Amino acid sequence: MVIKLARTALGLSQQEFADRMGVSKTTLARIETMEAKVSFDFYMQVTKLIYELGVSFDLEENDDIVLKVSPEAQQAVINLFADENNRRIDKKKKNIPK
C-alpha cells in the first residue's frame, strides 16, 4: 500500500515507477494489489527510491501510514500536472473554436 501511496503522491504512473524500479508494470501492479509478495531487498530499494524522490513514510502502531512529501517533490508534481503535454489525451481541455 505504501508503494502505491508514494507513487501517487509523486505523480508517477505505474509504468514510470516500474521503469525506475527496474521491474515490469505487471509486477508492480501485482505488488500494489498485494497479489505478489515483496522481498526485503525490493522493499529497501523502493524505500530508497521514494526517499530520493522526496517522500518518506512512517508506519504507526495503529496501522496508520503517514506520508511526508517534501516541498520540492510537491513542486515537481505541480509542475508535472501544469504541463498539458503530460496529461492523457482524453483529459486535455478541448479547444473549441468560437
C-alpha atoms as a PDB file:
ATOM      1  CA  MET A   1       0.000   0.000   0.000  1.00  0.00           C
ATOM      2  CA  VAL A   2       2.868   2.366   0.803  1.00  0.00           C
ATOM      3  CA  ILE A   3       4.265   1.912  -2.696  1.00  0.00           C
ATOM      4  CA  LYS A   4       1.021   2.976  -4.369  1.00  0.00           C
ATOM      5  CA  LEU A   5       0.518   5.901  -1.988  1.00  0.00           C
ATOM      6  CA  ALA A   6       4.056   7.187  -2.520  1.00  0.00           C
ATOM      7  CA  ARG A   7       3.909   6.654  -6.291  1.00  0.00           C
ATOM      8  CA  THR A   8       0.632   8.534  -6.489  1.00  0.00           C
ATOM      9  CA  ALA A   9       1.942  11.361  -4.290  1.00  0.00           C
ATOM     10  CA  LEU A  10       4.854  11.699  -6.706  1.00  0.00           C
ATOM     11  CA  GLY A  11       2.535  11.871  -9.712  1.00  0.00           C
ATOM     12  CA  LEU A  12       4.118   8.816 -11.324  1.00  0.00           C
ATOM     13  CA  SER A  13       2.247   6.247 -13.386  1.00  0.00           C
ATOM     14  CA  GLN A  14       2.749   2.559 -12.702  1.00  0.00           C
ATOM     15  CA  GLN A  15       4.890   2.340 -15.843  1.00  0.00           C
ATOM     16  CA  GLU A  16       7.102   5.280 -14.831  1.00  0.00           C
ATOM     17  CA  PHE A  17       7.629   3.898 -11.325  1.00  0.00           C
ATOM     18  CA  ALA A  18       8.201   0.352 -12.609  1.00  0.00           C
ATOM     19  CA  ASP A  19      10.841   1.670 -15.016  1.00  0.00           C
ATOM     20  CA  ARG A  20      12.643   3.412 -12.165  1.00  0.00           C
ATOM     21  CA  MET A  21      12.485   0.217 -10.088  1.00  0.00           C
ATOM     22  CA  GLY A  22      13.670  -1.989 -12.950  1.00  0.00           C
ATOM     23  CA  VAL A  23      10.555  -4.187 -12.912  1.00  0.00           C
ATOM     24  CA  SER A  24       7.652  -4.653 -15.292  1.00  0.00           C
ATOM     25  CA  LYS A  25       4.426  -2.708 -14.922  1.00  0.00           C
ATOM     26  CA  THR A  26       2.651  -6.029 -14.362  1.00  0.00           C
ATOM     27  CA  THR A  27       4.966  -6.894 -11.477  1.00  0.00           C
ATOM     28  CA  LEU A  28       4.405  -3.500  -9.879  1.00  0.00           C
ATOM     29  CA  ALA A  29       0.629  -3.817 -10.308  1.00  0.00           C
ATOM     30  CA  ARG A  30       0.696  -7.242  -8.630  1.00  0.00           C
ATOM     31  CA  ILE A  31       2.723  -5.819  -5.747  1.00  0.00           C
ATOM     32  CA  GLU A  32       0.398  -2.825  -5.334  1.00  0.00           C
ATOM     33  CA  THR A  33      -2.661  -5.094  -5.220  1.00  0.00           C
ATOM     34  CA  MET A  34      -0.868  -7.452  -2.827  1.00  0.00           C
ATOM     35  CA  GLU A  35      -1.041 -10.352  -5.296  1.00  0.00           C
ATOM     36  CA  ALA A  36       2.747 -10.738  -5.130  1.00  0.00           C
ATOM     37  CA  LYS A  37       4.997 -10.891  -2.115  1.00  0.00           C
ATOM     38  CA  VAL A  38       7.723  -8.298  -1.753  1.00  0.00           C
ATOM     39  CA  SER A  39      11.233  -9.322  -0.804  1.00  0.00           C
ATOM     40  CA  PHE A  40      13.094  -7.356   1.838  1.00  0.00           C
ATOM     41  CA  ASP A  41      15.612  -6.223  -0.805  1.00  0.00           C
ATOM     42  CA  PHE A  42      12.818  -4.907  -3.047  1.00  0.00           C
ATOM     43  CA  TYR A  43      11.199  -3.145  -0.094  1.00  0.00           C
ATOM     44  CA  MET A  44      14.510  -1.456   0.746  1.00  0.00           C
ATOM     45  CA  GLN A  45      15.021  -0.481  -2.922  1.00  0.00           C
ATOM     46  CA  VAL A  46      11.536   1.093  -3.037  1.00  0.00           C
ATOM     47  CA  THR A  47      12.088   2.888   0.251  1.00  0.00           C
ATOM     48  CA  LYS A  48      15.386   4.315  -1.019  1.00  0.00           C
ATOM     49  CA  LEU A  49      13.874   5.439  -4.339  1.00  0.00           C
ATOM     50  CA  ILE A  50      10.856   7.179  -2.857  1.00  0.00           C
ATOM     51  CA  TYR A  51      13.066   8.858  -0.257  1.00  0.00           C
ATOM     52  CA  GLU A  52      15.375  10.129  -3.023  1.00  0.00           C
ATOM     53  CA  LEU A  53      12.285  11.450  -4.839  1.00  0.00           C
ATOM     54  CA  GLY A  54      11.205  13.368  -1.724  1.00  0.00           C
ATOM     55  CA  VAL A  55       8.730  11.074   0.038  1.00  0.00           C
ATOM     56  CA  SER A  56       9.174   9.370   3.373  1.00  0.00           C
ATOM     57  CA  PHE A  57       6.707   7.426   5.453  1.00  0.00           C
ATOM     58  CA  ASP A  58       6.047   6.266   8.983  1.00  0.00           C
ATOM     59  CA  LEU A  59       4.081   3.194   9.935  1.00  0.00           C
ATOM     60  CA  GLU A  60       2.157   3.954  13.100  1.00  0.00           C
ATOM     61  CA  GLU A  61       1.331   1.465  15.852  1.00  0.00           C
ATOM     62  CA  ASN A  62      -2.376   1.703  14.989  1.00  0.00           C
ATOM     63  CA  ASP A  63      -1.621   0.684  11.364  1.00  0.00           C
ATOM     64  CA  ASP A  64      -1.856   4.261  10.053  1.00  0.00           C
ATOM     65  CA  ILE A  65       0.551   5.177   7.282  1.00  0.00           C
ATOM     66  CA  VAL A  66       1.853   8.731   7.366  1.00  0.00           C
ATOM     67  CA  LEU A  67       3.394  10.024   4.138  1.00  0.00           C
ATOM     68  CA  LYS A  68       5.649  13.042   4.203  1.00  0.00           C
ATOM     69  CA  VAL A  69       6.167  14.767   0.859  1.00  0.00           C
ATOM     70  CA  SER A  70       8.971  17.305   0.659  1.00  0.00           C
ATOM     71  CA  PRO A  71       8.211  20.792  -0.679  1.00  0.00           C
ATOM     72  CA  GLU A  72      10.493  20.036  -3.659  1.00  0.00           C
ATOM     73  CA  ALA A  73       8.563  16.865  -4.508  1.00  0.00           C
ATOM     74  CA  GLN A  74       5.277  18.751  -4.160  1.00  0.00           C
ATOM     75  CA  GLN A  75       6.500  21.426  -6.572  1.00  0.00           C
ATOM     76  CA  ALA A  76       7.706  18.786  -9.028  1.00  0.00           C
ATOM     77  CA  VAL A  77       4.224  17.240  -9.081  1.00  0.00           C
ATOM     78  CA  ILE A  78       2.600  20.661  -9.502  1.00  0.00           C
ATOM     79  CA  ASN A  79       4.923  21.374 -12.436  1.00  0.00           C
ATOM     80  CA  LEU A  80       4.244  17.941 -13.922  1.00  0.00           C
ATOM     81  CA  PHE A  81       0.487  18.437 -13.902  1.00  0.00           C
ATOM     82  CA  ALA A  82       0.719  22.060 -15.036  1.00  0.00           C
ATOM     83  CA  ASP A  83       2.317  20.908 -18.294  1.00  0.00           C
ATOM     84  CA  GLU A  84      -0.587  19.940 -20.529  1.00  0.00           C
ATOM     85  CA  ASN A  85       1.729  17.689 -22.582  1.00  0.00           C
ATOM     86  CA  ASN A  86       1.923  15.346 -19.581  1.00  0.00           C
ATOM     87  CA  ARG A  87      -1.835  14.796 -19.472  1.00  0.00           C
ATOM     88  CA  ARG A  88      -3.685  11.955 -21.083  1.00  0.00           C
ATOM     89  CA  ILE A  89      -5.230  12.972 -24.379  1.00  0.00           C
ATOM     90  CA  ASP A  90      -8.753  12.307 -23.104  1.00  0.00           C
ATOM     91  CA  LYS A  91      -8.122  14.605 -20.117  1.00  0.00           C
ATOM     92  CA  LYS A  92      -6.836  17.584 -22.095  1.00  0.00           C
ATOM     93  CA  LYS A  93      -9.091  20.554 -22.486  1.00  0.00           C
ATOM     94  CA  LYS A  94     -10.628  20.705 -25.874  1.00  0.00           C
ATOM     95  CA  ASN A  95     -10.093  23.908 -27.839  1.00  0.00           C
ATOM     96  CA  ILE A  96     -13.491  24.655 -29.258  1.00  0.00           C
ATOM     97  CA  PRO A  97     -13.482  27.328 -31.965  1.00  0.00           C
ATOM     98  CA  LYS A  98     -15.870  30.236 -31.430  1.00  0.00           C
END
